Amino acid sequence: MAPSATSRVHAIITGRVQAVAYRWSCSAQARKLGLAGWVRNLADGRVELLAEGDRTKLDALVAWCQQGPPAARVSKVVTDWDSGQNEFTEFNIR
């Protein structure tokens, strides 16, 4: 598979997404999908995600992000897509 087949998504998730196991659940979902990258809390209460991998699997992760774990209440997910840079080897919580 050519490197250009890898995609990258940067997402900002808004809502009740901190102190509800969002990062942990997102990380578990990304690893299950075989994606690489990271997820972190932002100071303003949102969550930021950067993931790379197969576009279909990234679409599945973004769909998961729109719901999140049971205690989360997601109001908005803003995504920015780009070609992958193969920058990461695993998925981490920052």
PDB file of N, CA and C in Angstrom:
ATOM      1  N   MET A   1       0.850  -1.181   0.000  1.00  0.00           N
ATOM      2  CA  MET A   1       0.000   0.000   0.000  1.00  0.00           C
ATOM      3  C   MET A   1       0.893   1.241   0.000  1.00  0.00           C
ATOM      4  N   ALA A   2       0.597   2.194  -0.820  1.00  0.00           N
ATOM      5  CA  ALA A   2       1.383   3.418  -0.907  1.00  0.00           C
ATOM      6  C   ALA A   2       1.158   4.283   0.329  1.00  0.00           C
ATOM      7  N   PRO A   3       2.173   5.063   0.736  1.00  0.00           N
ATOM      8  CA  PRO A   3       2.020   5.932   1.901  1.00  0.00           C
ATOM      9  C   PRO A   3       0.848   6.898   1.774  1.00  0.00           C
ATOM     10  N   SER A   4       0.497   7.279   0.550  1.00  0.00           N
ATOM     11  CA  SER A   4      -0.610   8.214   0.342  1.00  0.00           C
ATOM     12  C   SER A   4      -1.961   7.607   0.737  1.00  0.00           C
ATOM     13  N   ALA A   5      -1.994   6.281   0.916  1.00  0.00           N
ATOM     14  CA  ALA A   5      -3.237   5.626   1.313  1.00  0.00           C
ATOM     15  C   ALA A   5      -3.560   5.886   2.781  1.00  0.00           C
ATOM     16  N   THR A   6      -2.573   6.375   3.527  1.00  0.00           N
ATOM     17  CA  THR A   6      -2.791   6.715   4.928  1.00  0.00           C
ATOM     18  C   THR A   6      -3.401   8.100   5.019  1.00  0.00           C
ATOM     19  N   SER A   7      -4.399   8.230   5.891  1.00  0.00           N
ATOM     20  CA  SER A   7      -5.038   9.516   6.115  1.00  0.00           C
ATOM     21  C   SER A   7      -4.779   9.977   7.532  1.00  0.00           C
ATOM     22  N   ARG A   8      -5.067  11.251   7.781  1.00  0.00           N
ATOM     23  CA  ARG A   8      -4.912  11.850   9.102  1.00  0.00           C
ATOM     24  C   ARG A   8      -6.142  12.692   9.396  1.00  0.00           C
ATOM     25  N   VAL A   9      -6.630  12.572  10.624  1.00  0.00           N
ATOM     26  CA  VAL A   9      -7.734  13.427  11.052  1.00  0.00           C
ATOM     27  C   VAL A   9      -7.349  14.120  12.356  1.00  0.00           C
ATOM     28  N   HIS A  10      -7.625  15.405  12.401  1.00  0.00           N
ATOM     29  CA  HIS A  10      -7.478  16.208  13.615  1.00  0.00           C
ATOM     30  C   HIS A  10      -8.896  16.579  14.016  1.00  0.00           C
ATOM     31  N   ALA A  11      -9.262  16.281  15.251  1.00  0.00           N
ATOM     32  CA  ALA A  11     -10.633  16.551  15.689  1.00  0.00           C
ATOM     33  C   ALA A  11     -10.643  17.278  17.027  1.00  0.00           C
ATOM     34  N   ILE A  12     -11.607  18.170  17.175  1.00  0.00           N
ATOM     35  CA  ILE A  12     -11.874  18.849  18.441  1.00  0.00           C
ATOM     36  C   ILE A  12     -13.280  18.442  18.858  1.00  0.00           C
ATOM     37  N   ILE A  13     -13.382  17.858  20.043  1.00  0.00           N
ATOM     38  CA  ILE A  13     -14.662  17.354  20.539  1.00  0.00           C
ATOM     39  C   ILE A  13     -15.135  18.258  21.668  1.00  0.00           C
ATOM     40  N   THR A  14     -16.362  18.757  21.528  1.00  0.00           N
ATOM     41  CA  THR A  14     -16.943  19.699  22.481  1.00  0.00           C
ATOM     42  C   THR A  14     -18.132  19.053  23.177  1.00  0.00           C
ATOM     43  N   GLY A  15     -18.343  19.434  24.424  1.00  0.00           N
ATOM     44  CA  GLY A  15     -19.461  18.922  25.215  1.00  0.00           C
ATOM     45  C   GLY A  15     -18.966  18.513  26.587  1.00  0.00           C
ATOM     46  N   ARG A  16     -19.685  17.607  27.234  1.00  0.00           N
ATOM     47  CA  ARG A  16     -19.207  17.068  28.509  1.00  0.00           C
ATOM     48  C   ARG A  16     -18.300  15.893  28.162  1.00  0.00           C
ATOM     49  N   VAL A  17     -17.017  16.198  27.957  1.00  0.00           N
ATOM     50  CA  VAL A  17     -16.088  15.190  27.468  1.00  0.00           C
ATOM     51  C   VAL A  17     -14.850  15.046  28.351  1.00  0.00           C
ATOM     52  N   GLN A  18     -14.819  15.757  29.469  1.00  0.00           N
ATOM     53  CA  GLN A  18     -13.735  15.576  30.426  1.00  0.00           C
ATOM     54  C   GLN A  18     -14.304  15.019  31.717  1.00  0.00           C
ATOM     55  N   ALA A  19     -13.506  14.207  32.411  1.00  0.00           N
ATOM     56  CA  ALA A  19     -13.901  13.541  33.665  1.00  0.00           C
ATOM     57  C   ALA A  19     -15.023  12.523  33.427  1.00  0.00           C
ATOM     58  N   VAL A  20     -15.083  11.967  32.212  1.00  0.00           N
ATOM     59  CA  VAL A  20     -16.088  10.942  31.872  1.00  0.00           C
ATOM     60  C   VAL A  20     -15.425   9.752  31.162  1.00  0.00           C
ATOM     61  N   ALA A  21     -14.106   9.608  31.317  1.00  0.00           N
ATOM     62  CA  ALA A  21     -13.319   8.531  30.693  1.00  0.00           C
ATOM     63  C   ALA A  21     -13.295   8.632  29.167  1.00  0.00           C
ATOM     64  N   TYR A  22     -13.448   9.842  28.651  1.00  0.00           N
ATOM     65  CA  TYR A  22     -13.468  10.027  27.196  1.00  0.00           C
ATOM     66  C   TYR A  22     -12.124   9.662  26.573  1.00  0.00           C
ATOM     67  N   ARG A  23     -11.027  10.215  27.112  1.00  0.00           N
ATOM     68  CA  ARG A  23      -9.711   9.944  26.527  1.00  0.00           C
ATOM     69  C   ARG A  23      -9.377   8.458  26.583  1.00  0.00           C
ATOM     70  N   TRP A  24      -9.619   7.828  27.713  1.00  0.00           N
ATOM     71  CA  TRP A  24      -9.317   6.410  27.858  1.00  0.00           C
ATOM     72  C   TRP A  24     -10.136   5.584  26.862  1.00  0.00           C
ATOM     73  N   SER A  25     -11.425   5.862  26.775  1.00  0.00           N
ATOM     74  CA  SER A  25     -12.300   5.121  25.859  1.00  0.00           C
ATOM     75  C   SER A  25     -11.926   5.370  24.403  1.00  0.00           C
ATOM     76  N   CYS A  26     -11.587   6.605  24.083  1.00  0.00           N
ATOM     77  CA  CYS A  26     -11.185   6.953  22.715  1.00  0.00           C
ATOM     78  C   CYS A  26      -9.894   6.227  22.351  1.00  0.00           C
ATOM     79  N   SER A  27      -8.955   6.204  23.279  1.00  0.00           N
ATOM     80  CA  SER A  27      -7.696   5.514  23.046  1.00  0.00           C
ATOM     81  C   SER A  27      -7.925   4.021  22.814  1.00  0.00           C
ATOM     82  N   ALA A  28      -8.772   3.416  23.616  1.00  0.00           N
ATOM     83  CA  ALA A  28      -9.086   1.993  23.460  1.00  0.00           C
ATOM     84  C   ALA A  28      -9.725   1.726  22.103  1.00  0.00           C
ATOM     85  N   GLN A  29     -10.628   2.611  21.680  1.00  0.00           N
ATOM     86  CA  GLN A  29     -11.300   2.463  20.384  1.00  0.00           C
ATOM     87  C   GLN A  29     -10.296   2.603  19.244  1.00  0.00           C
ATOM     88  N   ALA A  30      -9.427   3.593  19.329  1.00  0.00           N
ATOM     89  CA  ALA A  30      -8.425   3.818  18.282  1.00  0.00           C
ATOM     90  C   ALA A  30      -7.486   2.618  18.166  1.00  0.00           C
ATOM     91  N   ARG A  31      -7.061   2.082  19.302  1.00  0.00           N
ATOM     92  CA  ARG A  31      -6.173   0.911  19.285  1.00  0.00           C
ATOM     93  C   ARG A  31      -6.889  -0.298  18.688  1.00  0.00           C
ATOM     94  N   LYS A  32      -8.152  -0.459  19.044  1.00  0.00           N
ATOM     95  CA  LYS A  32      -8.956  -1.563  18.506  1.00  0.00           C
ATOM     96  C   LYS A  32      -9.036  -1.475  16.976  1.00  0.00           C
ATOM     97  N   LEU A  33      -9.099  -0.252  16.464  1.00  0.00           N
ATOM     98  CA  LEU A  33      -9.177  -0.023  15.021  1.00  0.00           C
ATOM     99  C   LEU A  33      -7.799  -0.068  14.346  1.00  0.00           C
ATOM    100  N   GLY A  34      -6.737  -0.164  15.142  1.00  0.00           N
ATOM    101  CA  GLY A  34      -5.391  -0.209  14.578  1.00  0.00           C
ATOM    102  C   GLY A  34      -4.862   1.138  14.141  1.00  0.00           C
ATOM    103  N   LEU A  35      -5.330   2.212  14.782  1.00  0.00           N
ATOM    104  CA  LEU A  35      -4.908   3.560  14.424  1.00  0.00           C
ATOM    105  C   LEU A  35      -3.780   4.035  15.332  1.00  0.00           C
ATOM    106  N   ALA A  36      -3.054   5.036  14.887  1.00  0.00           N
ATOM    107  CA  ALA A  36      -1.967   5.626  15.664  1.00  0.00           C
ATOM    108  C   ALA A  36      -2.236   7.108  15.851  1.00  0.00           C
ATOM    109  N   GLY A  37      -1.686   7.675  16.929  1.00  0.00           N
ATOM    110  CA  GLY A  37      -1.854   9.100  17.195  1.00  0.00           C
ATOM    111  C   GLY A  37      -1.984   9.370  18.676  1.00  0.00           C
ATOM    112  N   TRP A  38      -2.809  10.354  19.027  1.00  0.00           N
ATOM    113  CA  TRP A  38      -2.976  10.714  20.427  1.00  0.00           C
ATOM    114  C   TRP A  38      -4.307  11.414  20.674  1.00  0.00           C
ATOM    115  N   VAL A  39      -4.676  11.491  21.955  1.00  0.00           N
ATOM    116  CA  VAL A  39      -5.856  12.222  22.397  1.00  0.00           C
ATOM    117  C   VAL A  39      -5.477  12.942  23.687  1.00  0.00           C
ATOM    118  N   ARG A  40      -5.982  14.168  23.880  1.00  0.00           N
ATOM    119  CA  ARG A  40      -5.664  14.919  25.098  1.00  0.00           C
ATOM    120  C   ARG A  40      -6.801  15.869  25.463  1.00  0.00           C
ATOM    121  N   ASN A  41      -6.826  16.235  26.746  1.00  0.00           N
ATOM    122  CA  ASN A  41      -7.752  17.253  27.219  1.00  0.00           C
ATOM    123  C   ASN A  41      -7.190  18.620  26.878  1.00  0.00           C
ATOM    124  N   LEU A  42      -8.080  19.561  26.604  1.00  0.00           N
ATOM    125  CA  LEU A  42      -7.696  20.957  26.421  1.00  0.00           C
ATOM    126  C   LEU A  42      -8.133  21.737  27.661  1.00  0.00           C
ATOM    127  N   ALA A  43      -7.462  22.830  27.935  1.00  0.00           N
ATOM    128  CA  ALA A  43      -7.737  23.631  29.130  1.00  0.00           C
ATOM    129  C   ALA A  43      -9.166  24.175  29.167  1.00  0.00           C
ATOM    130  N   ASP A  44      -9.793  24.345  27.994  1.00  0.00           N
ATOM    131  CA  ASP A  44     -11.147  24.914  27.944  1.00  0.00           C
ATOM    132  C   ASP A  44     -12.259  23.872  28.074  1.00  0.00           C
ATOM    133  N   GLY A  45     -11.884  22.605  28.370  1.00  0.00           N
ATOM    134  CA  GLY A  45     -12.900  21.572  28.578  1.00  0.00           C
ATOM    135  C   GLY A  45     -13.179  20.698  27.375  1.00  0.00           C
ATOM    136  N   ARG A  46     -12.584  21.021  26.239  1.00  0.00           N
ATOM    137  CA  ARG A  46     -12.751  20.186  25.051  1.00  0.00           C
ATOM    138  C   ARG A  46     -11.684  19.092  25.030  1.00  0.00           C
ATOM    139  N   VAL A  47     -11.818  18.156  24.091  1.00  0.00           N
ATOM    140  CA  VAL A  47     -10.828  17.099  23.877  1.00  0.00           C
ATOM    141  C   VAL A  47     -10.313  17.239  22.456  1.00  0.00           C
ATOM    142  N   GLU A  48      -9.005  17.044  22.295  1.00  0.00           N
ATOM    143  CA  GLU A  48      -8.355  17.119  20.980  1.00  0.00           C
ATOM    144  C   GLU A  48      -7.818  15.741  20.617  1.00  0.00           C
ATOM    145  N   LEU A  49      -7.950  15.398  19.347  1.00  0.00           N
ATOM    146  CA  LEU A  49      -7.546  14.093  18.838  1.00  0.00           C
ATOM    147  C   LEU A  49      -6.766  14.276  17.542  1.00  0.00           C
ATOM    148  N   LEU A  50      -5.701  13.513  17.389  1.00  0.00           N
ATOM    149  CA  LEU A  50      -4.973  13.452  16.124  1.00  0.00           C
ATOM    150  C   LEU A  50      -4.701  11.980  15.858  1.00  0.00           C
ATOM    151  N   ALA A  51      -5.221  11.474  14.756  1.00  0.00           N
ATOM    152  CA  ALA A  51      -5.076  10.049  14.460  1.00  0.00           C
ATOM    153  C   ALA A  51      -4.727   9.846  12.995  1.00  0.00           C
ATOM    154  N   GLU A  52      -3.956   8.781  12.746  1.00  0.00           N
ATOM    155  CA  GLU A  52      -3.570   8.414  11.391  1.00  0.00           C
ATOM    156  C   GLU A  52      -3.873   6.945  11.145  1.00  0.00           C
ATOM    157  N   GLY A  53      -4.158   6.634   9.887  1.00  0.00           N
ATOM    158  CA  GLY A  53      -4.399   5.255   9.501  1.00  0.00           C
ATOM    159  C   GLY A  53      -5.296   5.186   8.283  1.00  0.00           C
ATOM    160  N   ASP A  54      -5.922   4.049   8.124  1.00  0.00           N
ATOM    161  CA  ASP A  54      -6.848   3.812   7.021  1.00  0.00           C
ATOM    162  C   ASP A  54      -8.067   4.729   7.135  1.00  0.00           C
ATOM    163  N   ARG A  55      -8.467   5.341   6.039  1.00  0.00           N
ATOM    164  CA  ARG A  55      -9.564   6.316   6.065  1.00  0.00           C
ATOM    165  C   ARG A  55     -10.862   5.705   6.595  1.00  0.00           C
ATOM    166  N   THR A  56     -11.168   4.489   6.215  1.00  0.00           N
ATOM    167  CA  THR A  56     -12.393   3.841   6.685  1.00  0.00           C
ATOM    168  C   THR A  56     -12.372   3.681   8.207  1.00  0.00           C
ATOM    169  N   LYS A  57     -11.215   3.318   8.743  1.00  0.00           N
ATOM    170  CA  LYS A  57     -11.088   3.157  10.189  1.00  0.00           C
ATOM    171  C   LYS A  57     -11.128   4.500  10.900  1.00  0.00           C
ATOM    172  N   LEU A  58     -10.552   5.524  10.281  1.00  0.00           N
ATOM    173  CA  LEU A  58     -10.636   6.875  10.855  1.00  0.00           C
ATOM    174  C   LEU A  58     -12.081   7.358  10.874  1.00  0.00           C
ATOM    175  N   ASP A  59     -12.827   7.077   9.807  1.00  0.00           N
ATOM    176  CA  ASP A  59     -14.255   7.434   9.770  1.00  0.00           C
ATOM    177  C   ASP A  59     -15.001   6.766  10.924  1.00  0.00           C
ATOM    178  N   ALA A  60     -14.649   5.499  11.207  1.00  0.00           N
ATOM    179  CA  ALA A  60     -15.284   4.775  12.314  1.00  0.00           C
ATOM    180  C   ALA A  60     -14.937   5.415  13.652  1.00  0.00           C
ATOM    181  N   LEU A  61     -13.695   5.871  13.812  1.00  0.00           N
ATOM    182  CA  LEU A  61     -13.299   6.542  15.057  1.00  0.00           C
ATOM    183  C   LEU A  61     -14.039   7.870  15.221  1.00  0.00           C
ATOM    184  N   VAL A  62     -14.150   8.631  14.145  1.00  0.00           N
ATOM    185  CA  VAL A  62     -14.873   9.910  14.209  1.00  0.00           C
ATOM    186  C   VAL A  62     -16.341   9.662  14.558  1.00  0.00           C
ATOM    187  N   ALA A  63     -16.932   8.633  13.984  1.00  0.00           N
ATOM    188  CA  ALA A  63     -18.326   8.285  14.319  1.00  0.00           C
ATOM    189  C   ALA A  63     -18.433   7.940  15.806  1.00  0.00           C
ATOM    190  N   TRP A  64     -17.461   7.211  16.338  1.00  0.00           N
ATOM    191  CA  TRP A  64     -17.456   6.891  17.764  1.00  0.00           C
ATOM    192  C   TRP A  64     -17.339   8.175  18.583  1.00  0.00           C
ATOM    193  N   CYS A  65     -16.474   9.086  18.146  1.00  0.00           N
ATOM    194  CA  CYS A  65     -16.255  10.348  18.869  1.00  0.00           C
ATOM    195  C   CYS A  65     -17.536  11.169  18.997  1.00  0.00           C
ATOM    196  N   GLN A  66     -18.434  11.052  18.034  1.00  0.00           N
ATOM    197  CA  GLN A  66     -19.686  11.808  18.076  1.00  0.00           C
ATOM    198  C   GLN A  66     -20.611  11.328  19.183  1.00  0.00           C
ATOM    199  N   GLN A  67     -20.378  10.112  19.670  1.00  0.00           N
ATOM    200  CA  GLN A  67     -21.158   9.561  20.780  1.00  0.00           C
ATOM    201  C   GLN A  67     -20.325   9.543  22.058  1.00  0.00           C
ATOM    202  N   GLY A  68     -19.121   8.989  21.970  1.00  0.00           N
ATOM    203  CA  GLY A  68     -18.237   8.888  23.124  1.00  0.00           C
ATOM    204  C   GLY A  68     -18.677   7.804  24.087  1.00  0.00           C
ATOM    205  N   PRO A  69     -18.038   7.747  25.261  1.00  0.00           N
ATOM    206  CA  PRO A  69     -18.414   6.761  26.275  1.00  0.00           C
ATOM    207  C   PRO A  69     -19.768   7.117  26.894  1.00  0.00           C
ATOM    208  N   PRO A  70     -20.381   6.193  27.639  1.00  0.00           N
ATOM    209  CA  PRO A  70     -21.738   6.418  28.164  1.00  0.00           C
ATOM    210  C   PRO A  70     -21.952   7.720  28.944  1.00  0.00           C
ATOM    211  N   ALA A  71     -20.979   8.143  29.756  1.00  0.00           N
ATOM    212  CA  ALA A  71     -21.169   9.344  30.582  1.00  0.00           C
ATOM    213  C   ALA A  71     -20.959  10.649  29.818  1.00  0.00           C
ATOM    214  N   ALA A  72     -20.406  10.577  28.621  1.00  0.00           N
ATOM    215  CA  ALA A  72     -20.132  11.785  27.826  1.00  0.00           C
ATOM    216  C   ALA A  72     -21.407  12.316  27.185  1.00  0.00           C
ATOM    217  N   ARG A  73     -21.414  13.610  26.945  1.00  0.00           N
ATOM    218  CA  ARG A  73     -22.479  14.271  26.197  1.00  0.00           C
ATOM    219  C   ARG A  73     -21.804  15.143  25.144  1.00  0.00           C
ATOM    220  N   VAL A  74     -21.614  14.587  23.957  1.00  0.00           N
ATOM    221  CA  VAL A  74     -20.912  15.289  22.884  1.00  0.00           C
ATOM    222  C   VAL A  74     -21.874  16.226  22.173  1.00  0.00           C
ATOM    223  N   SER A  75     -21.484  17.495  22.074  1.00  0.00           N
ATOM    224  CA  SER A  75     -22.331  18.457  21.369  1.00  0.00           C
ATOM    225  C   SER A  75     -21.813  18.759  19.966  1.00  0.00           C
ATOM    226  N   LYS A  76     -20.485  18.601  19.756  1.00  0.00           N
ATOM    227  CA  LYS A  76     -19.939  18.920  18.428  1.00  0.00           C
ATOM    228  C   LYS A  76     -18.587  18.240  18.250  1.00  0.00           C
ATOM    229  N   VAL A  77     -18.341  17.770  17.026  1.00  0.00           N
ATOM    230  CA  VAL A  77     -17.029  17.245  16.635  1.00  0.00           C
ATOM    231  C   VAL A  77     -16.627  17.969  15.355  1.00  0.00           C
ATOM    232  N   VAL A  78     -15.544  18.724  15.408  1.00  0.00           N
ATOM    233  CA  VAL A  78     -15.034  19.441  14.243  1.00  0.00           C
ATOM    234  C   VAL A  78     -13.794  18.709  13.765  1.00  0.00           C
ATOM    235  N   THR A  79     -13.789  18.317  12.485  1.00  0.00           N
ATOM    236  CA  THR A  79     -12.672  17.551  11.942  1.00  0.00           C
ATOM    237  C   THR A  79     -11.958  18.301  10.824  1.00  0.00           C
ATOM    238  N   ASP A  80     -10.681  18.020  10.713  1.00  0.00           N
ATOM    239  CA  ASP A  80      -9.840  18.540   9.636  1.00  0.00           C
ATOM    240  C   ASP A  80      -9.057  17.344   9.099  1.00  0.00           C
ATOM    241  N   TRP A  81      -9.214  17.059   7.814  1.00  0.00           N
ATOM    242  CA  TRP A  81      -8.601  15.877   7.202  1.00  0.00           C
ATOM    243  C   TRP A  81      -7.376  16.261   6.387  1.00  0.00           C
ATOM    244  N   ASP A  82      -6.416  15.345   6.362  1.00  0.00           N
ATOM    245  CA  ASP A  82      -5.193  15.545   5.583  1.00  0.00           C
ATOM    246  C   ASP A  82      -4.641  14.168   5.214  1.00  0.00           C
ATOM    247  N   SER A  83      -3.603  14.148   4.401  1.00  0.00           N
ATOM    248  CA  SER A  83      -2.953  12.874   4.117  1.00  0.00           C
ATOM    249  C   SER A  83      -2.073  12.518   5.309  1.00  0.00           C
ATOM    250  N   GLY A  84      -1.924  11.229   5.550  1.00  0.00           N
ATOM    251  CA  GLY A  84      -1.132  10.770   6.678  1.00  0.00           C
ATOM    252  C   GLY A  84       0.342  11.041   6.485  1.00  0.00           C
ATOM    253  N   GLN A  85       1.040  11.196   7.604  1.00  0.00           N
ATOM    254  CA  GLN A  85       2.473  11.447   7.565  1.00  0.00           C
ATOM    255  C   GLN A  85       3.259  10.309   8.207  1.00  0.00           C
ATOM    256  N   ASN A  86       2.540   9.246   8.634  1.00  0.00           N
ATOM    257  CA  ASN A  86       3.175   8.110   9.307  1.00  0.00           C
ATOM    258  C   ASN A  86       4.075   8.572  10.447  1.00  0.00           C
ATOM    259  N   GLU A  87       3.561   9.537  11.204  1.00  0.00           N
ATOM    260  CA  GLU A  87       4.316  10.159  12.284  1.00  0.00           C
ATOM    261  C   GLU A  87       4.293   9.329  13.571  1.00  0.00           C
ATOM    262  N   PHE A  88       3.293   8.474  13.743  1.00  0.00           N
ATOM    263  CA  PHE A  88       3.101   7.760  14.997  1.00  0.00           C
ATOM    264  C   PHE A  88       3.168   6.247  14.791  1.00  0.00           C
ATOM    265  N   THR A  89       3.562   5.540  15.843  1.00  0.00           N
ATOM    266  CA  THR A  89       3.605   4.084  15.783  1.00  0.00           C
ATOM    267  C   THR A  89       2.552   3.446  16.684  1.00  0.00           C
ATOM    268  N   GLU A  90       1.978   4.237  17.588  1.00  0.00           N
ATOM    269  CA  GLU A  90       0.938   3.745  18.503  1.00  0.00           C
ATOM    270  C   GLU A  90      -0.007   4.883  18.852  1.00  0.00           C
ATOM    271  N   PHE A  91      -1.041   4.554  19.624  1.00  0.00           N
ATOM    272  CA  PHE A  91      -2.015   5.574  20.037  1.00  0.00           C
ATOM    273  C   PHE A  91      -1.849   5.820  21.532  1.00  0.00           C
ATOM    274  N   ASN A  92      -1.677   7.087  21.915  1.00  0.00           N
ATOM    275  CA  ASN A  92      -1.398   7.459  23.304  1.00  0.00           C
ATOM    276  C   ASN A  92      -2.373   8.496  23.836  1.00  0.00           C
ATOM    277  N   ILE A  93      -2.477   8.522  25.148  1.00  0.00           N
ATOM    278  CA  ILE A  93      -3.201   9.579  25.854  1.00  0.00           C
ATOM    279  C   ILE A  93      -2.152  10.584  26.308  1.00  0.00           C
ATOM    280  N   ARG A  94      -2.368  11.840  25.981  1.00  0.00           N
ATOM    281  CA  ARG A  94      -1.412  12.886  26.385  1.00  0.00           C
ATOM    282  C   ARG A  94      -1.969  13.675  27.547  1.00  0.00           C
TER     283      ARG A  94
END
